[in-house]
Amino acid sequence: MIIVTGTMEVGEAHVEAAKEAFRLAEAATASERGCITYRFFQSVAQPTLFRVYEEWEDKDALREHAQHENMARHRERMAPLGVSNRQISMIEPERIRELG
């Protein structure tokens, strides 16, 4: 299993749009091959901060997700929302790798 997790921030004016984009991404991605869990969580203490948490069966499934039309649509929805401080890590059985 591969885990992807991390945080990102959006501008205060974009919080509601980000929540909708994350909701749509969760719903669309759940049916992708190899997706075990794909969720976003908003911080209670800092509403502009969101955490992503994903579980994938293997690296091939994660690679397919990165190229999937669902991810392309999600990137399009997120582009105007001023995402900043993005810190995402991939946890593999043998190591943890920073994704950026």
PDB file of N, CA and C in Angstrom:
ATOM      1  N   MET A   1       0.841  -1.179   0.000  1.00  0.00           N
ATOM      2  CA  MET A   1       0.000   0.000   0.000  1.00  0.00           C
ATOM      3  C   MET A   1       0.887   1.244   0.000  1.00  0.00           C
ATOM      4  N   ILE A   2       0.424   2.271  -0.700  1.00  0.00           N
ATOM      5  CA  ILE A   2       1.089   3.569  -0.765  1.00  0.00           C
ATOM      6  C   ILE A   2       0.168   4.583  -0.091  1.00  0.00           C
ATOM      7  N   ILE A   3       0.730   5.432   0.770  1.00  0.00           N
ATOM      8  CA  ILE A   3      -0.029   6.502   1.419  1.00  0.00           C
ATOM      9  C   ILE A   3       0.529   7.834   0.931  1.00  0.00           C
ATOM     10  N   VAL A   4      -0.362   8.745   0.592  1.00  0.00           N
ATOM     11  CA  VAL A   4       0.007  10.118   0.250  1.00  0.00           C
ATOM     12  C   VAL A   4      -0.730  11.002   1.245  1.00  0.00           C
ATOM     13  N   THR A   5       0.001  11.883   1.903  1.00  0.00           N
ATOM     14  CA  THR A   5      -0.621  12.765   2.886  1.00  0.00           C
ATOM     15  C   THR A   5       0.141  14.082   2.965  1.00  0.00           C
ATOM     16  N   GLY A   6      -0.556  15.101   3.370  1.00  0.00           N
ATOM     17  CA  GLY A   6       0.089  16.394   3.505  1.00  0.00           C
ATOM     18  C   GLY A   6      -0.926  17.501   3.678  1.00  0.00           C
ATOM     19  N   THR A   7      -0.441  18.725   3.584  1.00  0.00           N
ATOM     20  CA  THR A   7      -1.287  19.894   3.797  1.00  0.00           C
ATOM     21  C   THR A   7      -1.072  20.917   2.690  1.00  0.00           C
ATOM     22  N   MET A   8      -2.055  21.783   2.573  1.00  0.00           N
ATOM     23  CA  MET A   8      -1.981  22.917   1.651  1.00  0.00           C
ATOM     24  C   MET A   8      -2.905  24.005   2.176  1.00  0.00           C
ATOM     25  N   GLU A   9      -2.624  25.225   1.805  1.00  0.00           N
ATOM     26  CA  GLU A   9      -3.464  26.346   2.204  1.00  0.00           C
ATOM     27  C   GLU A   9      -4.070  27.001   0.973  1.00  0.00           C
ATOM     28  N   VAL A  10      -5.218  27.621   1.179  1.00  0.00           N
ATOM     29  CA  VAL A  10      -5.843  28.427   0.136  1.00  0.00           C
ATOM     30  C   VAL A  10      -6.131  29.795   0.737  1.00  0.00           C
ATOM     31  N   GLY A  11      -6.323  30.782  -0.126  1.00  0.00           N
ATOM     32  CA  GLY A  11      -6.663  32.111   0.358  1.00  0.00           C
ATOM     33  C   GLY A  11      -8.017  32.104   1.051  1.00  0.00           C
ATOM     34  N   GLU A  12      -8.168  32.986   2.015  1.00  0.00           N
ATOM     35  CA  GLU A  12      -9.409  33.050   2.794  1.00  0.00           C
ATOM     36  C   GLU A  12     -10.646  33.193   1.908  1.00  0.00           C
ATOM     37  N   ALA A  13     -10.537  33.934   0.837  1.00  0.00           N
ATOM     38  CA  ALA A  13     -11.673  34.138  -0.066  1.00  0.00           C
ATOM     39  C   ALA A  13     -12.012  32.889  -0.876  1.00  0.00           C
ATOM     40  N   HIS A  14     -11.137  31.887  -0.852  1.00  0.00           N
ATOM     41  CA  HIS A  14     -11.324  30.699  -1.684  1.00  0.00           C
ATOM     42  C   HIS A  14     -11.673  29.435  -0.901  1.00  0.00           C
ATOM     43  N   VAL A  15     -11.927  29.569   0.381  1.00  0.00           N
ATOM     44  CA  VAL A  15     -12.174  28.393   1.220  1.00  0.00           C
ATOM     45  C   VAL A  15     -13.379  27.594   0.719  1.00  0.00           C
ATOM     46  N   GLU A  16     -14.482  28.242   0.448  1.00  0.00           N
ATOM     47  CA  GLU A  16     -15.691  27.522   0.017  1.00  0.00           C
ATOM     48  C   GLU A  16     -15.481  26.854  -1.342  1.00  0.00           C
ATOM     49  N   ALA A  17     -14.807  27.538  -2.252  1.00  0.00           N
ATOM     50  CA  ALA A  17     -14.522  26.942  -3.567  1.00  0.00           C
ATOM     51  C   ALA A  17     -13.591  25.734  -3.413  1.00  0.00           C
ATOM     52  N   ALA A  18     -12.632  25.827  -2.506  1.00  0.00           N
ATOM     53  CA  ALA A  18     -11.723  24.700  -2.269  1.00  0.00           C
ATOM     54  C   ALA A  18     -12.490  23.516  -1.696  1.00  0.00           C
ATOM     55  N   LYS A  19     -13.376  23.763  -0.743  1.00  0.00           N
ATOM     56  CA  LYS A  19     -14.166  22.679  -0.159  1.00  0.00           C
ATOM     57  C   LYS A  19     -14.988  21.964  -1.238  1.00  0.00           C
ATOM     58  N   GLU A  20     -15.558  22.714  -2.143  1.00  0.00           N
ATOM     59  CA  GLU A  20     -16.328  22.107  -3.226  1.00  0.00           C
ATOM     60  C   GLU A  20     -15.420  21.322  -4.173  1.00  0.00           C
ATOM     61  N   ALA A  21     -14.265  21.877  -4.493  1.00  0.00           N
ATOM     62  CA  ALA A  21     -13.316  21.167  -5.370  1.00  0.00           C
ATOM     63  C   ALA A  21     -12.863  19.864  -4.721  1.00  0.00           C
ATOM     64  N   PHE A  22     -12.597  19.895  -3.428  1.00  0.00           N
ATOM     65  CA  PHE A  22     -12.179  18.682  -2.723  1.00  0.00           C
ATOM     66  C   PHE A  22     -13.315  17.658  -2.681  1.00  0.00           C
ATOM     67  N   ARG A  23     -14.537  18.112  -2.464  1.00  0.00           N
ATOM     68  CA  ARG A  23     -15.685  17.206  -2.436  1.00  0.00           C
ATOM     69  C   ARG A  23     -15.831  16.498  -3.774  1.00  0.00           C
ATOM     70  N   LEU A  24     -15.720  17.248  -4.859  1.00  0.00           N
ATOM     71  CA  LEU A  24     -15.828  16.667  -6.200  1.00  0.00           C
ATOM     72  C   LEU A  24     -14.687  15.684  -6.469  1.00  0.00           C
ATOM     73  N   ALA A  25     -13.480  16.038  -6.043  1.00  0.00           N
ATOM     74  CA  ALA A  25     -12.333  15.145  -6.250  1.00  0.00           C
ATOM     75  C   ALA A  25     -12.506  13.843  -5.482  1.00  0.00           C
ATOM     76  N   GLU A  26     -12.979  13.932  -4.247  1.00  0.00           N
ATOM     77  CA  GLU A  26     -13.208  12.724  -3.446  1.00  0.00           C
ATOM     78  C   GLU A  26     -14.199  11.799  -4.140  1.00  0.00           C
ATOM     79  N   ALA A  27     -15.301  12.355  -4.582  1.00  0.00           N
ATOM     80  CA  ALA A  27     -16.352  11.540  -5.208  1.00  0.00           C
ATOM     81  C   ALA A  27     -15.862  10.892  -6.492  1.00  0.00           C
ATOM     82  N   ALA A  28     -15.143  11.638  -7.302  1.00  0.00           N
ATOM     83  CA  ALA A  28     -14.681  11.113  -8.597  1.00  0.00           C
ATOM     84  C   ALA A  28     -13.567  10.089  -8.420  1.00  0.00           C
ATOM     85  N   THR A  29     -12.670  10.328  -7.505  1.00  0.00           N
ATOM     86  CA  THR A  29     -11.493   9.479  -7.355  1.00  0.00           C
ATOM     87  C   THR A  29     -11.810   8.147  -6.686  1.00  0.00           C
ATOM     88  N   ALA A  30     -12.840   8.108  -5.888  1.00  0.00           N
ATOM     89  CA  ALA A  30     -13.184   6.881  -5.147  1.00  0.00           C
ATOM     90  C   ALA A  30     -13.351   5.664  -6.053  1.00  0.00           C
ATOM     91  N   SER A  31     -13.748   5.871  -7.302  1.00  0.00           N
ATOM     92  CA  SER A  31     -13.979   4.750  -8.218  1.00  0.00           C
ATOM     93  C   SER A  31     -12.749   4.396  -9.068  1.00  0.00           C
ATOM     94  N   GLU A  32     -11.653   5.126  -8.892  1.00  0.00           N
ATOM     95  CA  GLU A  32     -10.452   4.820  -9.674  1.00  0.00           C
ATOM     96  C   GLU A  32      -9.836   3.492  -9.227  1.00  0.00           C
ATOM     97  N   ARG A  33      -9.231   2.801 -10.165  1.00  0.00           N
ATOM     98  CA  ARG A  33      -8.580   1.532  -9.856  1.00  0.00           C
ATOM     99  C   ARG A  33      -7.505   1.735  -8.796  1.00  0.00           C
ATOM    100  N   GLY A  34      -7.539   0.919  -7.778  1.00  0.00           N
ATOM    101  CA  GLY A  34      -6.506   0.946  -6.759  1.00  0.00           C
ATOM    102  C   GLY A  34      -6.707   1.954  -5.651  1.00  0.00           C
ATOM    103  N   CYS A  35      -7.750   2.764  -5.725  1.00  0.00           N
ATOM    104  CA  CYS A  35      -7.998   3.754  -4.676  1.00  0.00           C
ATOM    105  C   CYS A  35      -8.644   3.069  -3.479  1.00  0.00           C
ATOM    106  N   ILE A  36      -7.994   3.169  -2.344  1.00  0.00           N
ATOM    107  CA  ILE A  36      -8.536   2.630  -1.095  1.00  0.00           C
ATOM    108  C   ILE A  36      -9.225   3.750  -0.323  1.00  0.00           C
ATOM    109  N   THR A  37      -8.538   4.876  -0.187  1.00  0.00           N
ATOM    110  CA  THR A  37      -9.064   6.052   0.508  1.00  0.00           C
ATOM    111  C   THR A  37      -8.548   7.302  -0.185  1.00  0.00           C
ATOM    112  N   TYR A  38      -9.423   8.310  -0.332  1.00  0.00           N
ATOM    113  CA  TYR A  38      -9.025   9.586  -0.923  1.00  0.00           C
ATOM    114  C   TYR A  38      -9.863  10.653  -0.248  1.00  0.00           C
ATOM    115  N   ARG A  39      -9.263  11.385   0.695  1.00  0.00           N
ATOM    116  CA  ARG A  39     -10.030  12.333   1.505  1.00  0.00           C
ATOM    117  C   ARG A  39      -9.273  13.633   1.726  1.00  0.00           C
ATOM    118  N   PHE A  40     -10.047  14.688   1.919  1.00  0.00           N
ATOM    119  CA  PHE A  40      -9.528  15.994   2.301  1.00  0.00           C
ATOM    120  C   PHE A  40     -10.206  16.399   3.598  1.00  0.00           C
ATOM    121  N   PHE A  41      -9.461  17.076   4.471  1.00  0.00           N
ATOM    122  CA  PHE A  41      -9.986  17.516   5.751  1.00  0.00           C
ATOM    123  C   PHE A  41      -9.610  18.970   5.966  1.00  0.00           C
ATOM    124  N   GLN A  42     -10.550  19.770   6.436  1.00  0.00           N
ATOM    125  CA  GLN A  42     -10.296  21.171   6.731  1.00  0.00           C
ATOM    126  C   GLN A  42      -9.917  21.314   8.199  1.00  0.00           C
ATOM    127  N   SER A  43      -8.903  22.111   8.483  1.00  0.00           N
ATOM    128  CA  SER A  43      -8.483  22.370   9.850  1.00  0.00           C
ATOM    129  C   SER A  43      -9.543  23.190  10.580  1.00  0.00           C
ATOM    130  N   VAL A  44      -9.869  22.776  11.784  1.00  0.00           N
ATOM    131  CA  VAL A  44     -10.807  23.533  12.608  1.00  0.00           C
ATOM    132  C   VAL A  44     -10.134  24.810  13.110  1.00  0.00           C
ATOM    133  N   ALA A  45      -8.883  24.708  13.497  1.00  0.00           N
ATOM    134  CA  ALA A  45      -8.152  25.847  14.059  1.00  0.00           C
ATOM    135  C   ALA A  45      -7.745  26.867  13.006  1.00  0.00           C
ATOM    136  N   GLN A  46      -7.513  26.405  11.773  1.00  0.00           N
ATOM    137  CA  GLN A  46      -7.068  27.276  10.693  1.00  0.00           C
ATOM    138  C   GLN A  46      -7.853  26.918   9.433  1.00  0.00           C
ATOM    139  N   PRO A  47      -9.004  27.527   9.215  1.00  0.00           N
ATOM    140  CA  PRO A  47      -9.916  27.125   8.141  1.00  0.00           C
ATOM    141  C   PRO A  47      -9.355  27.201   6.720  1.00  0.00           C
ATOM    142  N   THR A  48      -8.261  27.896   6.526  1.00  0.00           N
ATOM    143  CA  THR A  48      -7.662  27.963   5.188  1.00  0.00           C
ATOM    144  C   THR A  48      -6.699  26.806   4.928  1.00  0.00           C
ATOM    145  N   LEU A  49      -6.478  25.965   5.938  1.00  0.00           N
ATOM    146  CA  LEU A  49      -5.550  24.847   5.841  1.00  0.00           C
ATOM    147  C   LEU A  49      -6.328  23.542   5.633  1.00  0.00           C
ATOM    148  N   PHE A  50      -5.891  22.767   4.651  1.00  0.00           N
ATOM    149  CA  PHE A  50      -6.526  21.495   4.337  1.00  0.00           C
ATOM    150  C   PHE A  50      -5.486  20.384   4.339  1.00  0.00           C
ATOM    151  N   ARG A  51      -5.905  19.208   4.776  1.00  0.00           N
ATOM    152  CA  ARG A  51      -5.058  18.013   4.733  1.00  0.00           C
ATOM    153  C   ARG A  51      -5.633  17.055   3.706  1.00  0.00           C
ATOM    154  N   VAL A  52      -4.744  16.451   2.922  1.00  0.00           N
ATOM    155  CA  VAL A  52      -5.120  15.378   2.013  1.00  0.00           C
ATOM    156  C   VAL A  52      -4.600  14.072   2.604  1.00  0.00           C
ATOM    157  N   TYR A  53      -5.399  13.013   2.453  1.00  0.00           N
ATOM    158  CA  TYR A  53      -4.966  11.688   2.893  1.00  0.00           C
ATOM    159  C   TYR A  53      -5.459  10.680   1.861  1.00  0.00           C
ATOM    160  N   GLU A  54      -4.523   9.952   1.267  1.00  0.00           N
ATOM    161  CA  GLU A  54      -4.838   8.982   0.228  1.00  0.00           C
ATOM    162  C   GLU A  54      -4.178   7.648   0.550  1.00  0.00           C
ATOM    163  N   GLU A  55      -4.862   6.563   0.220  1.00  0.00           N
ATOM    164  CA  GLU A  55      -4.272   5.226   0.270  1.00  0.00           C
ATOM    165  C   GLU A  55      -4.511   4.575  -1.077  1.00  0.00           C
ATOM    166  N   TRP A  56      -3.435   4.014  -1.654  1.00  0.00           N
ATOM    167  CA  TRP A  56      -3.483   3.371  -2.965  1.00  0.00           C
ATOM    168  C   TRP A  56      -2.932   1.954  -2.849  1.00  0.00           C
ATOM    169  N   GLU A  57      -3.474   1.070  -3.637  1.00  0.00           N
ATOM    170  CA  GLU A  57      -3.014  -0.325  -3.600  1.00  0.00           C
ATOM    171  C   GLU A  57      -1.541  -0.454  -3.940  1.00  0.00           C
ATOM    172  N   ASP A  58      -1.068   0.333  -4.920  1.00  0.00           N
ATOM    173  CA  ASP A  58       0.325   0.246  -5.353  1.00  0.00           C
ATOM    174  C   ASP A  58       0.714   1.495  -6.124  1.00  0.00           C
ATOM    175  N   LYS A  59       1.995   1.584  -6.485  1.00  0.00           N
ATOM    176  CA  LYS A  59       2.495   2.752  -7.217  1.00  0.00           C
ATOM    177  C   LYS A  59       1.855   2.900  -8.588  1.00  0.00           C
ATOM    178  N   ASP A  60       1.556   1.788  -9.239  1.00  0.00           N
ATOM    179  CA  ASP A  60       0.930   1.879 -10.557  1.00  0.00           C
ATOM    180  C   ASP A  60      -0.427   2.574 -10.467  1.00  0.00           C
ATOM    181  N   ALA A  61      -1.204   2.235  -9.452  1.00  0.00           N
ATOM    182  CA  ALA A  61      -2.505   2.884  -9.270  1.00  0.00           C
ATOM    183  C   ALA A  61      -2.332   4.380  -9.014  1.00  0.00           C
ATOM    184  N   LEU A  62      -1.332   4.748  -8.215  1.00  0.00           N
ATOM    185  CA  LEU A  62      -1.072   6.165  -7.943  1.00  0.00           C
ATOM    186  C   LEU A  62      -0.633   6.884  -9.213  1.00  0.00           C
ATOM    187  N   ARG A  63       0.205   6.245 -10.017  1.00  0.00           N
ATOM    188  CA  ARG A  63       0.629   6.848 -11.301  1.00  0.00           C
ATOM    189  C   ARG A  63      -0.567   7.055 -12.218  1.00  0.00           C
ATOM    190  N   GLU A  64      -1.447   6.048 -12.293  1.00  0.00           N
ATOM    191  CA  GLU A  64      -2.656   6.180 -13.120  1.00  0.00           C
ATOM    192  C   GLU A  64      -3.513   7.339 -12.630  1.00  0.00           C
ATOM    193  N   HIS A  65      -3.633   7.472 -11.314  1.00  0.00           N
ATOM    194  CA  HIS A  65      -4.414   8.573 -10.741  1.00  0.00           C
ATOM    195  C   HIS A  65      -3.837   9.923 -11.169  1.00  0.00           C
ATOM    196  N   ALA A  66      -2.516  10.048 -11.130  1.00  0.00           N
ATOM    197  CA  ALA A  66      -1.873  11.320 -11.498  1.00  0.00           C
ATOM    198  C   ALA A  66      -2.175  11.711 -12.941  1.00  0.00           C
ATOM    199  N   GLN A  67      -2.414  10.711 -13.804  1.00  0.00           N
ATOM    200  CA  GLN A  67      -2.692  10.968 -15.215  1.00  0.00           C
ATOM    201  C   GLN A  67      -4.189  10.920 -15.550  1.00  0.00           C
ATOM    202  N   HIS A  68      -5.003  10.571 -14.579  1.00  0.00           N
ATOM    203  CA  HIS A  68      -6.439  10.381 -14.802  1.00  0.00           C
ATOM    204  C   HIS A  68      -7.139  11.714 -15.062  1.00  0.00           C
ATOM    205  N   GLU A  69      -8.214  11.672 -15.832  1.00  0.00           N
ATOM    206  CA  GLU A  69      -8.979  12.888 -16.121  1.00  0.00           C
ATOM    207  C   GLU A  69      -9.562  13.501 -14.850  1.00  0.00           C
ATOM    208  N   ASN A  70      -9.849  12.689 -13.827  1.00  0.00           N
ATOM    209  CA  ASN A  70     -10.347  13.238 -12.561  1.00  0.00           C
ATOM    210  C   ASN A  70      -9.326  14.188 -11.948  1.00  0.00           C
ATOM    211  N   MET A  71      -8.067  13.805 -11.992  1.00  0.00           N
ATOM    212  CA  MET A  71      -7.011  14.647 -11.424  1.00  0.00           C
ATOM    213  C   MET A  71      -6.811  15.898 -12.277  1.00  0.00           C
ATOM    214  N   ALA A  72      -6.922  15.753 -13.586  1.00  0.00           N
ATOM    215  CA  ALA A  72      -6.795  16.927 -14.466  1.00  0.00           C
ATOM    216  C   ALA A  72      -7.890  17.944 -14.149  1.00  0.00           C
ATOM    217  N   ARG A  73      -9.107  17.475 -13.966  1.00  0.00           N
ATOM    218  CA  ARG A  73     -10.211  18.380 -13.615  1.00  0.00           C
ATOM    219  C   ARG A  73      -9.973  19.027 -12.249  1.00  0.00           C
ATOM    220  N   HIS A  74      -9.474  18.236 -11.318  1.00  0.00           N
ATOM    221  CA  HIS A  74      -9.210  18.780  -9.982  1.00  0.00           C
ATOM    222  C   HIS A  74      -8.135  19.883 -10.054  1.00  0.00           C
ATOM    223  N   ARG A  75      -7.081  19.639 -10.807  1.00  0.00           N
ATOM    224  CA  ARG A  75      -6.043  20.674 -10.952  1.00  0.00           C
ATOM    225  C   ARG A  75      -6.626  21.949 -11.565  1.00  0.00           C
ATOM    226  N   GLU A  76      -7.518  21.796 -12.541  1.00  0.00           N
ATOM    227  CA  GLU A  76      -8.160  22.970 -13.163  1.00  0.00           C
ATOM    228  C   GLU A  76      -8.995  23.741 -12.142  1.00  0.00           C
ATOM    229  N   ARG A  77      -9.739  23.022 -11.314  1.00  0.00           N
ATOM    230  CA  ARG A  77     -10.566  23.693 -10.298  1.00  0.00           C
ATOM    231  C   ARG A  77      -9.713  24.392  -9.249  1.00  0.00           C
ATOM    232  N   MET A  78      -8.559  23.802  -8.917  1.00  0.00           N
ATOM    233  CA  MET A  78      -7.718  24.368  -7.866  1.00  0.00           C
ATOM    234  C   MET A  78      -6.831  25.510  -8.354  1.00  0.00           C
ATOM    235  N   ALA A  79      -6.529  25.557  -9.635  1.00  0.00           N
ATOM    236  CA  ALA A  79      -5.583  26.546 -10.179  1.00  0.00           C
ATOM    237  C   ALA A  79      -5.890  27.989  -9.770  1.00  0.00           C
ATOM    238  N   PRO A  80      -7.143  28.443  -9.834  1.00  0.00           N
ATOM    239  CA  PRO A  80      -7.386  29.844  -9.477  1.00  0.00           C
ATOM    240  C   PRO A  80      -7.527  30.113  -7.976  1.00  0.00           C
ATOM    241  N   LEU A  81      -7.328  29.098  -7.142  1.00  0.00           N
ATOM    242  CA  LEU A  81      -7.607  29.255  -5.713  1.00  0.00           C
ATOM    243  C   LEU A  81      -6.390  29.645  -4.880  1.00  0.00           C
ATOM    244  N   GLY A  82      -5.276  29.913  -5.517  1.00  0.00           N
ATOM    245  CA  GLY A  82      -4.102  30.402  -4.799  1.00  0.00           C
ATOM    246  C   GLY A  82      -3.562  29.433  -3.762  1.00  0.00           C
ATOM    247  N   VAL A  83      -3.408  28.172  -4.145  1.00  0.00           N
ATOM    248  CA  VAL A  83      -2.862  27.179  -3.223  1.00  0.00           C
ATOM    249  C   VAL A  83      -1.429  27.555  -2.871  1.00  0.00           C
ATOM    250  N   SER A  84      -1.104  27.484  -1.581  1.00  0.00           N
ATOM    251  CA  SER A  84       0.248  27.799  -1.117  1.00  0.00           C
ATOM    252  C   SER A  84       0.641  26.825  -0.013  1.00  0.00           C
ATOM    253  N   ASN A  85       1.894  26.871   0.348  1.00  0.00           N
ATOM    254  CA  ASN A  85       2.428  26.041   1.434  1.00  0.00           C
ATOM    255  C   ASN A  85       2.047  24.573   1.277  1.00  0.00           C
ATOM    256  N   ARG A  86       2.123  24.097   0.058  1.00  0.00           N
ATOM    257  CA  ARG A  86       1.789  22.697  -0.234  1.00  0.00           C
ATOM    258  C   ARG A  86       2.940  21.801   0.216  1.00  0.00           C
ATOM    259  N   GLN A  87       2.652  20.896   1.133  1.00  0.00           N
ATOM    260  CA  GLN A  87       3.649  19.955   1.629  1.00  0.00           C
ATOM    261  C   GLN A  87       3.019  18.567   1.606  1.00  0.00           C
ATOM    262  N   ILE A  88       3.397  17.771   0.636  1.00  0.00           N
ATOM    263  CA  ILE A  88       2.808  16.457   0.422  1.00  0.00           C
ATOM    264  C   ILE A  88       3.915  15.404   0.498  1.00  0.00           C
ATOM    265  N   SER A  89       3.640  14.308   1.197  1.00  0.00           N
ATOM    266  CA  SER A  89       4.600  13.205   1.317  1.00  0.00           C
ATOM    267  C   SER A  89       3.979  11.910   0.835  1.00  0.00           C
ATOM    268  N   MET A  90       4.828  11.052   0.292  1.00  0.00           N
ATOM    269  CA  MET A  90       4.407   9.710  -0.087  1.00  0.00           C
ATOM    270  C   MET A  90       5.089   8.730   0.850  1.00  0.00           C
ATOM    271  N   ILE A  91       4.302   7.873   1.450  1.00  0.00           N
ATOM    272  CA  ILE A  91       4.819   6.879   2.385  1.00  0.00           C
ATOM    273  C   ILE A  91       4.706   5.517   1.705  1.00  0.00           C
ATOM    274  N   GLU A  92       5.859   4.917   1.467  1.00  0.00           N
ATOM    275  CA  GLU A  92       5.931   3.591   0.881  1.00  0.00           C
ATOM    276  C   GLU A  92       6.290   2.609   1.988  1.00  0.00           C
ATOM    277  N   PRO A  93       6.087   1.338   1.769  1.00  0.00           N
ATOM    278  CA  PRO A  93       6.428   0.384   2.822  1.00  0.00           C
ATOM    279  C   PRO A  93       7.876   0.515   3.301  1.00  0.00           C
ATOM    280  N   GLU A  94       8.778   0.882   2.405  1.00  0.00           N
ATOM    281  CA  GLU A  94      10.190   0.920   2.781  1.00  0.00           C
ATOM    282  C   GLU A  94      10.744   2.329   3.021  1.00  0.00           C
ATOM    283  N   ARG A  95       9.962   3.386   2.715  1.00  0.00           N
ATOM    284  CA  ARG A  95      10.512   4.730   2.901  1.00  0.00           C
ATOM    285  C   ARG A  95       9.420   5.793   2.805  1.00  0.00           C
ATOM    286  N   ILE A  96       9.781   7.022   3.199  1.00  0.00           N
ATOM    287  CA  ILE A  96       8.917   8.191   3.056  1.00  0.00           C
ATOM    288  C   ILE A  96       9.624   9.143   2.117  1.00  0.00           C
ATOM    289  N   ARG A  97       8.876   9.671   1.119  1.00  0.00           N
ATOM    290  CA  ARG A  97       9.472  10.575   0.150  1.00  0.00           C
ATOM    291  C   ARG A  97       8.642  11.841   0.057  1.00  0.00           C
ATOM    292  N   GLU A  98       9.283  12.993   0.133  1.00  0.00           N
ATOM    293  CA  GLU A  98       8.621  14.280  -0.010  1.00  0.00           C
ATOM    294  C   GLU A  98       8.239  14.492  -1.469  1.00  0.00           C
ATOM    295  N   LEU A  99       6.995  14.928  -1.714  1.00  0.00           N
ATOM    296  CA  LEU A  99       6.542  15.158  -3.095  1.00  0.00           C
ATOM    297  C   LEU A  99       6.483  16.635  -3.452  1.00  0.00           C
ATOM    298  N   GLY A 100       6.589  17.513  -2.498  1.00  0.00           N
ATOM    299  CA  GLY A 100       6.624  18.927  -2.822  1.00  0.00           C
ATOM    300  C   GLY A 100       5.551  19.752  -2.272  1.00  0.00           C
TER     301      GLY A 100
END
